PDB file of all heavy atoms in Angstrom:
ATOM      1  N   THR A   1       0.862  -1.176   0.000  1.00  0.00           N
ATOM      2  CA  THR A   1       0.000   0.000   0.000  1.00  0.00           C
ATOM      3  C   THR A   1       0.896   1.223   0.000  1.00  0.00           C
ATOM      4  O   THR A   1       2.075   1.144   0.381  1.00  0.00           O
ATOM      5  CB  THR A   1      -0.942   0.041   1.223  1.00  0.00           C
ATOM      6  OG1 THR A   1      -0.152   0.057   2.410  1.00  0.00           O
ATOM      7  CG2 THR A   1      -1.869  -1.160   1.237  1.00  0.00           C
ATOM      8  N   LYS A   2       0.362   2.331  -0.433  1.00  0.00           N
ATOM      9  CA  LYS A   2       1.156   3.555  -0.474  1.00  0.00           C
ATOM     10  C   LYS A   2       0.299   4.721  -0.027  1.00  0.00           C
ATOM     11  O   LYS A   2      -0.929   4.699  -0.161  1.00  0.00           O
ATOM     12  CB  LYS A   2       1.725   3.784  -1.863  1.00  0.00           C
ATOM     13  CG  LYS A   2       0.693   3.782  -2.966  1.00  0.00           C
ATOM     14  CD  LYS A   2       1.321   3.763  -4.328  1.00  0.00           C
ATOM     15  CE  LYS A   2       0.244   3.573  -5.379  1.00  0.00           C
ATOM     16  NZ  LYS A   2       0.788   3.374  -6.688  1.00  0.00           N
ATOM     17  N   SER A   3       0.958   5.720   0.504  1.00  0.00           N
ATOM     18  CA  SER A   3       0.281   6.905   0.979  1.00  0.00           C
ATOM     19  C   SER A   3       1.191   8.099   0.746  1.00  0.00           C
ATOM     20  O   SER A   3       2.370   8.062   1.082  1.00  0.00           O
ATOM     21  CB  SER A   3      -0.025   6.766   2.478  1.00  0.00           C
ATOM     22  OG  SER A   3      -0.522   7.971   2.993  1.00  0.00           O
ATOM     23  N   TYR A   4       0.630   9.130   0.161  1.00  0.00           N
ATOM     24  CA  TYR A   4       1.408  10.344  -0.041  1.00  0.00           C
ATOM     25  C   TYR A   4       0.467  11.530  -0.052  1.00  0.00           C
ATOM     26  O   TYR A   4      -0.714  11.413  -0.376  1.00  0.00           O
ATOM     27  CB  TYR A   4       2.240  10.296  -1.325  1.00  0.00           C
ATOM     28  CG  TYR A   4       1.501   9.797  -2.532  1.00  0.00           C
ATOM     29  CD1 TYR A   4       0.799  10.659  -3.351  1.00  0.00           C
ATOM     30  CD2 TYR A   4       1.504   8.435  -2.847  1.00  0.00           C
ATOM     31  CE1 TYR A   4       0.104  10.170  -4.461  1.00  0.00           C
ATOM     32  CE2 TYR A   4       0.839   7.951  -3.953  1.00  0.00           C
ATOM     33  CZ  TYR A   4       0.137   8.836  -4.753  1.00  0.00           C
ATOM     34  OH  TYR A   4      -0.542   8.360  -5.842  1.00  0.00           O
ATOM     35  N   GLY A   5       0.998  12.671   0.337  1.00  0.00           N
ATOM     36  CA  GLY A   5       0.203  13.890   0.395  1.00  0.00           C
ATOM     37  C   GLY A   5      -0.076  14.439  -0.984  1.00  0.00           C
ATOM     38  O   GLY A   5       0.419  13.929  -1.992  1.00  0.00           O
ATOM     39  N   PRO A   6      -0.877  15.501  -1.052  1.00  0.00           N
ATOM     40  CA  PRO A   6      -1.237  16.077  -2.346  1.00  0.00           C
ATOM     41  C   PRO A   6      -0.079  16.796  -3.037  1.00  0.00           C
ATOM     42  O   PRO A   6      -0.133  17.066  -4.232  1.00  0.00           O
ATOM     43  CB  PRO A   6      -2.361  17.054  -1.997  1.00  0.00           C
ATOM     44  CG  PRO A   6      -2.118  17.415  -0.566  1.00  0.00           C
ATOM     45  CD  PRO A   6      -1.507  16.197   0.054  1.00  0.00           C
ATOM     46  N   GLU A   7       0.985  17.079  -2.276  1.00  0.00           N
ATOM     47  CA  GLU A   7       2.136  17.757  -2.877  1.00  0.00           C
ATOM     48  C   GLU A   7       2.893  16.774  -3.759  1.00  0.00           C
ATOM     49  O   GLU A   7       3.030  15.609  -3.434  1.00  0.00           O
ATOM     50  CB  GLU A   7       3.106  18.258  -1.792  1.00  0.00           C
ATOM     51  CG  GLU A   7       2.477  19.101  -0.714  1.00  0.00           C
ATOM     52  CD  GLU A   7       1.990  18.282   0.473  1.00  0.00           C
ATOM     53  OE1 GLU A   7       1.962  17.045   0.393  1.00  0.00           O
ATOM     54  OE2 GLU A   7       1.621  18.896   1.472  1.00  0.00           O
ATOM     55  N   ALA A   8       3.373  17.249  -4.887  1.00  0.00           N
ATOM     56  CA  ALA A   8       4.154  16.376  -5.768  1.00  0.00           C
ATOM     57  C   ALA A   8       5.514  16.074  -5.144  1.00  0.00           C
ATOM     58  O   ALA A   8       6.027  14.976  -5.247  1.00  0.00           O
ATOM     59  CB  ALA A   8       4.348  17.042  -7.131  1.00  0.00           C
ATOM     60  N   ARG A   9       6.105  17.065  -4.500  1.00  0.00           N
ATOM     61  CA  ARG A   9       7.402  16.884  -3.869  1.00  0.00           C
ATOM     62  C   ARG A   9       7.380  17.546  -2.494  1.00  0.00           C
ATOM     63  O   ARG A   9       6.765  18.578  -2.310  1.00  0.00           O
ATOM     64  CB  ARG A   9       8.519  17.504  -4.707  1.00  0.00           C
ATOM     65  CG  ARG A   9       8.663  16.856  -6.057  1.00  0.00           C
ATOM     66  CD  ARG A   9      10.059  17.105  -6.624  1.00  0.00           C
ATOM     67  NE  ARG A   9      10.207  16.482  -7.920  1.00  0.00           N
ATOM     68  CZ  ARG A   9      10.566  15.230  -8.110  1.00  0.00           C
ATOM     69  NH1 ARG A   9      10.785  14.454  -7.090  1.00  0.00           N
ATOM     70  NH2 ARG A   9      10.711  14.749  -9.308  1.00  0.00           N
ATOM     71  N   GLY A  10       8.056  16.927  -1.551  1.00  0.00           N
ATOM     72  CA  GLY A  10       8.209  17.531  -0.241  1.00  0.00           C
ATOM     73  C   GLY A  10       7.187  17.128   0.801  1.00  0.00           C
ATOM     74  O   GLY A  10       7.405  17.349   1.978  1.00  0.00           O
ATOM     75  N   GLY A  11       6.082  16.531   0.398  1.00  0.00           N
ATOM     76  CA  GLY A  11       5.077  16.092   1.363  1.00  0.00           C
ATOM     77  C   GLY A  11       5.415  14.719   1.917  1.00  0.00           C
ATOM     78  O   GLY A  11       6.276  14.013   1.406  1.00  0.00           O
ATOM     79  N   ALA A  12       4.715  14.345   2.967  1.00  0.00           N
ATOM     80  CA  ALA A  12       4.933  13.029   3.572  1.00  0.00           C
ATOM     81  C   ALA A  12       4.593  11.923   2.588  1.00  0.00           C
ATOM     82  O   ALA A  12       3.659  12.033   1.802  1.00  0.00           O
ATOM     83  CB  ALA A  12       4.073  12.893   4.828  1.00  0.00           C
ATOM     84  N   CYS A  13       5.368  10.866   2.643  1.00  0.00           N
ATOM     85  CA  CYS A  13       5.195   9.757   1.706  1.00  0.00           C
ATOM     86  C   CYS A  13       5.596   8.467   2.401  1.00  0.00           C
ATOM     87  O   CYS A  13       6.570   8.447   3.146  1.00  0.00           O
ATOM     88  CB  CYS A  13       6.083  10.013   0.501  1.00  0.00           C
ATOM     89  SG  CYS A  13       5.999   8.764  -0.771  1.00  0.00           S
ATOM     90  N   ARG A  14       4.827   7.406   2.163  1.00  0.00           N
ATOM     91  CA  ARG A  14       5.217   6.117   2.727  1.00  0.00           C
ATOM     92  C   ARG A  14       4.694   4.993   1.852  1.00  0.00           C
ATOM     93  O   ARG A  14       3.747   5.144   1.090  1.00  0.00           O
ATOM     94  CB  ARG A  14       4.732   5.968   4.152  1.00  0.00           C
ATOM     95  CG  ARG A  14       3.326   5.486   4.288  1.00  0.00           C
ATOM     96  CD  ARG A  14       3.021   5.084   5.728  1.00  0.00           C
ATOM     97  NE  ARG A  14       1.799   4.350   5.728  1.00  0.00           N
ATOM     98  CZ  ARG A  14       0.669   4.756   6.273  1.00  0.00           C
ATOM     99  NH1 ARG A  14       0.614   5.921   6.880  1.00  0.00           N
ATOM    100  NH2 ARG A  14      -0.398   4.015   6.214  1.00  0.00           N
ATOM    101  N   SER A  15       5.364   3.864   1.993  1.00  0.00           N
ATOM    102  CA  SER A  15       4.973   2.642   1.310  1.00  0.00           C
ATOM    103  C   SER A  15       5.045   1.527   2.334  1.00  0.00           C
ATOM    104  O   SER A  15       6.058   1.370   3.009  1.00  0.00           O
ATOM    105  CB  SER A  15       5.928   2.374   0.141  1.00  0.00           C
ATOM    106  OG  SER A  15       5.574   1.202  -0.525  1.00  0.00           O
ATOM    107  N   ASP A  16       3.956   0.783   2.496  1.00  0.00           N
ATOM    108  CA  ASP A  16       3.916  -0.331   3.432  1.00  0.00           C
ATOM    109  C   ASP A  16       3.859  -1.630   2.644  1.00  0.00           C
ATOM    110  O   ASP A  16       3.045  -1.767   1.729  1.00  0.00           O
ATOM    111  CB  ASP A  16       2.682  -0.241   4.338  1.00  0.00           C
ATOM    112  CG  ASP A  16       2.836   0.825   5.392  1.00  0.00           C
ATOM    113  OD1 ASP A  16       3.517   0.552   6.383  1.00  0.00           O
ATOM    114  OD2 ASP A  16       2.296   1.934   5.220  1.00  0.00           O
ATOM    115  N   ILE A  17       4.726  -2.557   2.992  1.00  0.00           N
ATOM    116  CA  ILE A  17       4.778  -3.854   2.327  1.00  0.00           C
ATOM    117  C   ILE A  17       4.568  -4.920   3.393  1.00  0.00           C
ATOM    118  O   ILE A  17       5.308  -4.973   4.374  1.00  0.00           O
ATOM    119  CB  ILE A  17       6.131  -4.079   1.607  1.00  0.00           C
ATOM    120  CG1 ILE A  17       6.382  -2.969   0.577  1.00  0.00           C
ATOM    121  CG2 ILE A  17       6.162  -5.421   0.917  1.00  0.00           C
ATOM    122  CD1 ILE A  17       7.174  -1.846   1.091  1.00  0.00           C
ATOM    123  N   ILE A  18       3.547  -5.747   3.193  1.00  0.00           N
ATOM    124  CA  ILE A  18       3.272  -6.878   4.070  1.00  0.00           C
ATOM    125  C   ILE A  18       3.773  -8.115   3.330  1.00  0.00           C
ATOM    126  O   ILE A  18       3.405  -8.354   2.180  1.00  0.00           O
ATOM    127  CB  ILE A  18       1.762  -7.043   4.361  1.00  0.00           C
ATOM    128  CG1 ILE A  18       1.153  -5.737   4.844  1.00  0.00           C
ATOM    129  CG2 ILE A  18       1.515  -8.205   5.307  1.00  0.00           C
ATOM    130  CD1 ILE A  18       1.454  -5.353   6.241  1.00  0.00           C
ATOM    131  N   ILE A  19       4.626  -8.906   3.981  1.00  0.00           N
ATOM    132  CA  ILE A  19       5.254 -10.065   3.361  1.00  0.00           C
ATOM    133  C   ILE A  19       4.970 -11.289   4.230  1.00  0.00           C
ATOM    134  O   ILE A  19       5.153 -11.239   5.449  1.00  0.00           O
ATOM    135  CB  ILE A  19       6.790  -9.858   3.246  1.00  0.00           C
ATOM    136  CG1 ILE A  19       7.089  -8.571   2.482  1.00  0.00           C
ATOM    137  CG2 ILE A  19       7.446 -11.068   2.588  1.00  0.00           C
ATOM    138  CD1 ILE A  19       8.526  -8.109   2.590  1.00  0.00           C
ATOM    139  N   CYS A  20       4.534 -12.375   3.591  1.00  0.00           N
ATOM    140  CA  CYS A  20       4.161 -13.559   4.355  1.00  0.00           C
ATOM    141  C   CYS A  20       4.297 -14.807   3.477  1.00  0.00           C
ATOM    142  O   CYS A  20       4.101 -14.747   2.267  1.00  0.00           O
ATOM    143  CB  CYS A  20       2.713 -13.397   4.825  1.00  0.00           C
ATOM    144  SG  CYS A  20       2.172 -14.638   5.992  1.00  0.00           S
ATOM    145  N   ARG A  21       4.626 -15.935   4.084  1.00  0.00           N
ATOM    146  CA  ARG A  21       4.634 -17.210   3.358  1.00  0.00           C
ATOM    147  C   ARG A  21       3.208 -17.721   3.148  1.00  0.00           C
ATOM    148  O   ARG A  21       2.902 -18.325   2.151  1.00  0.00           O
ATOM    149  CB  ARG A  21       5.433 -18.267   4.116  1.00  0.00           C
ATOM    150  CG  ARG A  21       6.905 -18.134   3.953  1.00  0.00           C
ATOM    151  CD  ARG A  21       7.380 -18.893   2.718  1.00  0.00           C
ATOM    152  NE  ARG A  21       8.811 -18.778   2.615  1.00  0.00           N
ATOM    153  CZ  ARG A  21       9.453 -18.545   1.487  1.00  0.00           C
ATOM    154  NH1 ARG A  21       8.811 -18.404   0.366  1.00  0.00           N
ATOM    155  NH2 ARG A  21      10.749 -18.465   1.471  1.00  0.00           N
ATOM    156  N   GLY A  22       2.338 -17.468   4.125  1.00  0.00           N
ATOM    157  CA  GLY A  22       0.945 -17.920   4.052  1.00  0.00           C
ATOM    158  C   GLY A  22       0.040 -16.825   3.525  1.00  0.00           C
ATOM    159  O   GLY A  22       0.479 -15.864   2.896  1.00  0.00           O
ATOM    160  N   GLU A  23      -1.247 -16.968   3.836  1.00  0.00           N
ATOM    161  CA  GLU A  23      -2.222 -15.979   3.403  1.00  0.00           C
ATOM    162  C   GLU A  23      -2.084 -14.694   4.203  1.00  0.00           C
ATOM    163  O   GLU A  23      -1.774 -14.718   5.387  1.00  0.00           O
ATOM    164  CB  GLU A  23      -3.641 -16.525   3.592  1.00  0.00           C
ATOM    165  CG  GLU A  23      -3.997 -17.632   2.638  1.00  0.00           C
ATOM    166  CD  GLU A  23      -5.440 -18.066   2.784  1.00  0.00           C
ATOM    167  OE1 GLU A  23      -6.279 -17.282   3.284  1.00  0.00           O
ATOM    168  OE2 GLU A  23      -5.729 -19.209   2.396  1.00  0.00           O
ATOM    169  N   ILE A  24      -2.352 -13.597   3.550  1.00  0.00           N
ATOM    170  CA  ILE A  24      -2.364 -12.296   4.208  1.00  0.00           C
ATOM    171  C   ILE A  24      -3.831 -11.932   4.371  1.00  0.00           C
ATOM    172  O   ILE A  24      -4.528 -11.685   3.390  1.00  0.00           O
ATOM    173  CB  ILE A  24      -1.618 -11.228   3.379  1.00  0.00           C
ATOM    174  CG1 ILE A  24      -0.155 -11.640   3.199  1.00  0.00           C
ATOM    175  CG2 ILE A  24      -1.740  -9.862   4.033  1.00  0.00           C
ATOM    176  CD1 ILE A  24       0.635 -10.772   2.260  1.00  0.00           C
ATOM    177  N   ASP A  25      -4.291 -11.931   5.613  1.00  0.00           N
ATOM    178  CA  ASP A  25      -5.716 -11.700   5.825  1.00  0.00           C
ATOM    179  C   ASP A  25      -6.029 -10.371   6.502  1.00  0.00           C
ATOM    180  O   ASP A  25      -7.180 -10.045   6.724  1.00  0.00           O
ATOM    181  CB  ASP A  25      -6.344 -12.844   6.626  1.00  0.00           C
ATOM    182  CG  ASP A  25      -5.663 -13.072   7.957  1.00  0.00           C
ATOM    183  OD1 ASP A  25      -4.756 -12.304   8.306  1.00  0.00           O
ATOM    184  OD2 ASP A  25      -6.042 -14.034   8.640  1.00  0.00           O
ATOM    185  N   ALA A  26      -5.024  -9.593   6.841  1.00  0.00           N
ATOM    186  CA  ALA A  26      -5.262  -8.289   7.458  1.00  0.00           C
ATOM    187  C   ALA A  26      -4.210  -7.300   6.981  1.00  0.00           C
ATOM    188  O   ALA A  26      -3.028  -7.603   6.986  1.00  0.00           O
ATOM    189  CB  ALA A  26      -5.223  -8.404   8.964  1.00  0.00           C
ATOM    190  N   LEU A  27      -4.651  -6.138   6.550  1.00  0.00           N
ATOM    191  CA  LEU A  27      -3.723  -5.115   6.092  1.00  0.00           C
ATOM    192  C   LEU A  27      -3.527  -4.018   7.125  1.00  0.00           C
ATOM    193  O   LEU A  27      -2.530  -3.349   7.146  1.00  0.00           O
ATOM    194  CB  LEU A  27      -4.227  -4.484   4.791  1.00  0.00           C
ATOM    195  CG  LEU A  27      -4.356  -5.441   3.616  1.00  0.00           C
ATOM    196  CD1 LEU A  27      -4.885  -4.699   2.409  1.00  0.00           C
ATOM    197  CD2 LEU A  27      -3.029  -6.078   3.300  1.00  0.00           C
ATOM    198  N   ALA A  28      -4.521  -3.828   7.968  1.00  0.00           N
ATOM    199  CA  ALA A  28      -4.447  -2.746   8.945  1.00  0.00           C
ATOM    200  C   ALA A  28      -4.190  -3.314  10.338  1.00  0.00           C
ATOM    201  O   ALA A  28      -4.432  -4.478  10.606  1.00  0.00           O
ATOM    202  CB  ALA A  28      -5.748  -1.961   8.926  1.00  0.00           C
ATOM    203  N   GLY A  29      -3.728  -2.447  11.202  1.00  0.00           N
ATOM    204  CA  GLY A  29      -3.590  -2.824  12.597  1.00  0.00           C
ATOM    205  C   GLY A  29      -2.263  -3.428  12.977  1.00  0.00           C
ATOM    206  O   GLY A  29      -2.041  -3.725  14.138  1.00  0.00           O
ATOM    207  N   THR A  30      -1.378  -3.627  12.033  1.00  0.00           N
ATOM    208  CA  THR A  30      -0.076  -4.175  12.389  1.00  0.00           C
ATOM    209  C   THR A  30       0.941  -3.041  12.461  1.00  0.00           C
ATOM    210  O   THR A  30       0.936  -2.134  11.637  1.00  0.00           O
ATOM    211  CB  THR A  30       0.419  -5.223  11.367  1.00  0.00           C
ATOM    212  OG1 THR A  30       0.570  -4.595  10.096  1.00  0.00           O
ATOM    213  CG2 THR A  30      -0.549  -6.378  11.267  1.00  0.00           C
ATOM    214  N   GLU A  31       1.777  -3.098  13.452  1.00  0.00           N
ATOM    215  CA  GLU A  31       2.877  -2.147  13.562  1.00  0.00           C
ATOM    216  C   GLU A  31       4.021  -2.668  12.705  1.00  0.00           C
ATOM    217  O   GLU A  31       4.243  -3.877  12.645  1.00  0.00           O
ATOM    218  CB  GLU A  31       3.327  -2.016  15.016  1.00  0.00           C
ATOM    219  CG  GLU A  31       2.315  -1.346  15.915  1.00  0.00           C
ATOM    220  CD  GLU A  31       2.125   0.120  15.587  1.00  0.00           C
ATOM    221  OE1 GLU A  31       3.104   0.793  15.218  1.00  0.00           O
ATOM    222  OE2 GLU A  31       0.981   0.588  15.693  1.00  0.00           O
ATOM    223  N   PRO A  32       4.774  -1.791  12.058  1.00  0.00           N
ATOM    224  CA  PRO A  32       5.880  -2.279  11.232  1.00  0.00           C
ATOM    225  C   PRO A  32       6.981  -2.940  12.063  1.00  0.00           C
ATOM    226  O   PRO A  32       7.347  -2.442  13.117  1.00  0.00           O
ATOM    227  CB  PRO A  32       6.398  -1.023  10.529  1.00  0.00           C
ATOM    228  CG  PRO A  32       5.806   0.129  11.235  1.00  0.00           C
ATOM    229  CD  PRO A  32       4.622  -0.342  12.008  1.00  0.00           C
ATOM    230  N   ASN A  33       7.471  -4.072  11.557  1.00  0.00           N
ATOM    231  CA  ASN A  33       8.637  -4.722  12.150  1.00  0.00           C
ATOM    232  C   ASN A  33       9.901  -3.994  11.708  1.00  0.00           C
ATOM    233  O   ASN A  33      10.921  -4.029  12.389  1.00  0.00           O
ATOM    234  CB  ASN A  33       8.767  -6.179  11.687  1.00  0.00           C
ATOM    235  CG  ASN A  33       7.507  -6.966  11.866  1.00  0.00           C
ATOM    236  OD1 ASN A  33       6.710  -7.036  10.942  1.00  0.00           O
ATOM    237  ND2 ASN A  33       7.319  -7.546  13.030  1.00  0.00           N
ATOM    238  N   ILE A  34       9.809  -3.392  10.524  1.00  0.00           N
ATOM    239  CA  ILE A  34      10.951  -2.705   9.926  1.00  0.00           C
ATOM    240  C   ILE A  34      10.495  -1.327   9.481  1.00  0.00           C
ATOM    241  O   ILE A  34       9.462  -1.185   8.829  1.00  0.00           O
ATOM    242  CB  ILE A  34      11.487  -3.495   8.720  1.00  0.00           C
ATOM    243  CG1 ILE A  34      11.989  -4.859   9.191  1.00  0.00           C
ATOM    244  CG2 ILE A  34      12.579  -2.724   8.000  1.00  0.00           C
ATOM    245  CD1 ILE A  34      12.251  -5.832   8.088  1.00  0.00           C
ATOM    246  N   LEU A  35      11.271  -0.322   9.843  1.00  0.00           N
ATOM    247  CA  LEU A  35      10.965   1.053   9.463  1.00  0.00           C
ATOM    248  C   LEU A  35      12.201   1.672   8.837  1.00  0.00           C
ATOM    249  O   LEU A  35      13.295   1.592   9.396  1.00  0.00           O
ATOM    250  CB  LEU A  35      10.537   1.860  10.693  1.00  0.00           C
ATOM    251  CG  LEU A  35      10.279   3.347  10.485  1.00  0.00           C
ATOM    252  CD1 LEU A  35       9.132   3.584   9.496  1.00  0.00           C
ATOM    253  CD2 LEU A  35       9.977   4.022  11.825  1.00  0.00           C
ATOM    254  N   VAL A  36      12.004   2.262   7.669  1.00  0.00           N
ATOM    255  CA  VAL A  36      13.067   2.991   6.986  1.00  0.00           C
ATOM    256  C   VAL A  36      12.610   4.442   6.871  1.00  0.00           C
ATOM    257  O   VAL A  36      11.513   4.706   6.377  1.00  0.00           O
ATOM    258  CB  VAL A  36      13.347   2.413   5.575  1.00  0.00           C
ATOM    259  CG1 VAL A  36      14.401   3.238   4.855  1.00  0.00           C
ATOM    260  CG2 VAL A  36      13.770   0.954   5.670  1.00  0.00           C
ATOM    261  N   CYS A  37      13.447   5.375   7.331  1.00  0.00           N
ATOM    262  CA  CYS A  37      13.134   6.801   7.247  1.00  0.00           C
ATOM    263  C   CYS A  37      14.232   7.513   6.471  1.00  0.00           C
ATOM    264  O   CYS A  37      15.390   7.509   6.890  1.00  0.00           O
ATOM    265  CB  CYS A  37      13.004   7.413   8.638  1.00  0.00           C
ATOM    266  SG  CYS A  37      11.606   6.783   9.584  1.00  0.00           S
ATOM    267  N   LEU A  38      13.834   8.130   5.364  1.00  0.00           N
ATOM    268  CA  LEU A  38      14.792   8.854   4.527  1.00  0.00           C
ATOM    269  C   LEU A  38      14.792  10.353   4.805  1.00  0.00           C
ATOM    270  O   LEU A  38      15.566  11.080   4.193  1.00  0.00           O
ATOM    271  CB  LEU A  38      14.490   8.598   3.046  1.00  0.00           C
ATOM    272  CG  LEU A  38      14.577   7.152   2.579  1.00  0.00           C
ATOM    273  CD1 LEU A  38      14.301   7.062   1.080  1.00  0.00           C
ATOM    274  CD2 LEU A  38      15.923   6.534   2.915  1.00  0.00           C
ATOM    275  N   SER A  39      13.904  10.806   5.700  1.00  0.00           N
ATOM    276  CA  SER A  39      13.858  12.237   6.029  1.00  0.00           C
ATOM    277  C   SER A  39      13.495  12.418   7.495  1.00  0.00           C
ATOM    278  O   SER A  39      12.912  11.525   8.118  1.00  0.00           O
ATOM    279  CB  SER A  39      12.826  12.955   5.155  1.00  0.00           C
ATOM    280  OG  SER A  39      11.512  12.569   5.512  1.00  0.00           O
ATOM    281  N   GLN A  40      13.817  13.600   8.014  1.00  0.00           N
ATOM    282  CA  GLN A  40      13.465  13.905   9.400  1.00  0.00           C
ATOM    283  C   GLN A  40      11.950  13.938   9.558  1.00  0.00           C
ATOM    284  O   GLN A  40      11.405  13.455  10.546  1.00  0.00           O
ATOM    285  CB  GLN A  40      14.072  15.261   9.817  1.00  0.00           C
ATOM    286  CG  GLN A  40      13.872  15.573  11.286  1.00  0.00           C
ATOM    287  CD  GLN A  40      14.655  14.629  12.185  1.00  0.00           C
ATOM    288  OE1 GLN A  40      15.869  14.541  12.075  1.00  0.00           O
ATOM    289  NE2 GLN A  40      13.973  13.937  13.080  1.00  0.00           N
ATOM    290  N   GLN A  41      11.257  14.504   8.573  1.00  0.00           N
ATOM    291  CA  GLN A  41       9.799  14.570   8.608  1.00  0.00           C
ATOM    292  C   GLN A  41       9.194  13.165   8.748  1.00  0.00           C
ATOM    293  O   GLN A  41       8.281  12.937   9.539  1.00  0.00           O
ATOM    294  CB  GLN A  41       9.281  15.253   7.336  1.00  0.00           C
ATOM    295  CG  GLN A  41       7.774  15.342   7.245  1.00  0.00           C
ATOM    296  CD  GLN A  41       7.311  15.914   5.907  1.00  0.00           C
ATOM    297  OE1 GLN A  41       8.065  15.966   4.937  1.00  0.00           O
ATOM    298  NE2 GLN A  41       6.068  16.333   5.869  1.00  0.00           N
ATOM    299  N   ALA A  42       9.712  12.228   7.989  1.00  0.00           N
ATOM    300  CA  ALA A  42       9.217  10.849   8.052  1.00  0.00           C
ATOM    301  C   ALA A  42       9.523  10.226   9.406  1.00  0.00           C
ATOM    302  O   ALA A  42       8.683   9.538   9.986  1.00  0.00           O
ATOM    303  CB  ALA A  42       9.829  10.012   6.938  1.00  0.00           C
TER     304      ALA A  42
END
């Protein structure tokens, strides 16, 4: 899933990737195990 503000550049932006060997039955409600931040704002 992806989320970004209405600004073309400079606004908050994120991409969430859920990875599993089995079925993925929930997209919301999980805290990230891994977080990558490329900016102070993020």
